[in-house]
Protein backbone atom coordinates (compact mmCIF):
# COMPACT_ATOMS: atom_id res chain seq x y z
CA UNK A 1 7.98 5.79 19.63
CA UNK A 2 8.09 3.15 16.89
CA UNK A 3 5.19 2.14 14.65
CA UNK A 4 4.72 -1.13 12.79
CA UNK A 5 1.99 -2.36 10.48
CA UNK A 6 1.48 -6.12 10.93
CA UNK A 7 0.62 -8.34 7.91
CA UNK A 8 -2.80 -8.98 9.48
CA UNK A 9 -3.51 -5.24 9.23
CA UNK A 10 -2.80 -5.24 5.49
CA UNK A 11 -4.96 -8.31 4.95
CA UNK A 12 -7.88 -6.83 6.88
CA UNK A 13 -7.59 -3.55 4.97
CA UNK A 14 -8.13 -5.37 1.66
CA UNK A 15 -11.60 -6.49 2.83
CA UNK A 16 -12.83 -2.93 3.25
CA UNK A 17 -14.47 -0.64 0.70
CA UNK A 18 -11.96 1.79 -0.91
CA UNK A 19 -13.61 4.73 0.89
CA UNK A 20 -13.18 2.90 4.22
CA UNK A 21 -9.56 2.08 3.34
CA UNK A 22 -8.90 5.78 2.88
CA UNK A 23 -10.51 6.51 6.26
CA UNK A 24 -8.29 3.88 7.90
CA UNK A 25 -5.15 5.40 6.38
CA UNK A 26 -6.15 8.88 7.55
CA UNK A 27 -6.94 7.58 11.06
CA UNK A 28 -3.59 5.73 11.21
CA UNK A 29 -1.78 8.94 10.23
CA UNK A 30 -3.70 10.90 12.90
CA UNK A 31 -2.89 8.24 15.49
CA UNK A 32 0.80 8.35 14.64
CA UNK A 33 0.71 12.16 14.86
CA UNK A 34 -1.00 11.93 18.26
CA UNK A 35 1.61 9.59 19.72
CA UNK A 36 4.43 11.64 18.16
CA UNK A 37 3.27 15.16 19.09
CA UNK A 38 0.78 14.56 21.92
CA UNK A 39 -1.92 16.60 20.13
CA UNK A 40 -5.17 14.66 19.75
CA UNK A 41 -7.30 15.25 16.67
CA UNK A 42 -11.06 15.54 17.13
CA UNK A 43 -12.96 12.43 16.15
CA UNK A 44 -10.09 9.98 16.62
CA UNK A 45 -11.88 8.25 19.50
CA UNK A 46 -9.17 6.22 21.24
CA UNK A 47 -10.34 3.50 23.66
CA UNK A 48 -8.42 1.00 25.77
CA UNK A 49 -9.87 -2.48 25.26
CA UNK A 50 -7.83 -4.95 27.33
CA UNK A 51 -4.21 -5.64 28.08
CA UNK A 52 -2.02 -3.96 25.47
CA UNK A 53 -4.88 -3.61 22.95
CA UNK A 54 -6.44 -0.29 22.00
CA UNK A 55 -8.77 0.87 19.25
CA UNK A 56 -9.21 4.10 17.35
CA UNK A 57 -12.18 5.24 15.28
CA UNK A 58 -11.65 5.32 11.50
CA UNK A 59 -15.25 6.08 10.58
CA UNK A 60 -18.76 5.24 11.74
CA UNK A 61 -18.33 1.50 11.20
CA UNK A 62 -14.57 0.96 11.03
CA UNK A 63 -12.05 0.69 13.83
CA UNK A 64 -8.28 0.35 13.99
CA UNK A 65 -7.04 -2.23 16.48
CA UNK A 66 -3.52 -1.69 17.71
CA UNK A 67 -1.23 -3.11 20.37
CA UNK A 68 0.79 -0.66 22.48
CA UNK A 69 3.80 -2.11 24.28
CA UNK A 70 6.49 0.16 25.72
CA UNK A 71 7.79 2.23 22.77
CA UNK A 72 6.13 0.18 20.00
CA UNK A 73 2.67 0.54 18.50
CA UNK A 74 1.67 -2.32 16.20
CA UNK A 75 -1.34 -1.83 13.93
CA UNK A 76 -3.02 -5.23 13.99
CA UNK A 77 -6.47 -5.01 12.37
CA UNK A 78 -8.86 -2.71 10.54
CA UNK A 79 -12.52 -3.69 10.66
CA UNK A 80 -15.89 -3.45 12.34
CA UNK A 81 -16.66 -3.76 16.05
CA UNK A 82 -17.50 -7.42 15.41
CA UNK A 83 -14.15 -8.01 13.66
CA UNK A 84 -12.30 -6.50 16.63
CA UNK A 85 -14.35 -8.53 19.12
CA UNK A 86 -13.72 -11.77 17.17
CA UNK A 87 -9.99 -11.09 17.00
CA UNK A 88 -9.72 -10.48 20.73
CA UNK A 89 -11.87 -13.53 21.52
CA UNK A 90 -9.48 -15.78 19.58
CA UNK A 91 -6.57 -14.51 21.68
CA UNK A 92 -8.15 -16.03 24.77
């Protein structure tokens, strides 16, 4: 499995509070561990949204949006439910 952090992920991370940024980094590490080892950490909260897009919980308000295609997981966005919804809406 390969993992890639898209530029959009880095840009979205900058808009979050430092405490939320830390939560996103921890959640990304847990997600990578899950897809590498197969052992799911409590509280990660992975949900399939549509097509290749999935989200994972990074706190009460913050979600990680990622795209899973074959052997590649691309971290696309870190933000609120509304940020994720807006991003997916613009895709069509």
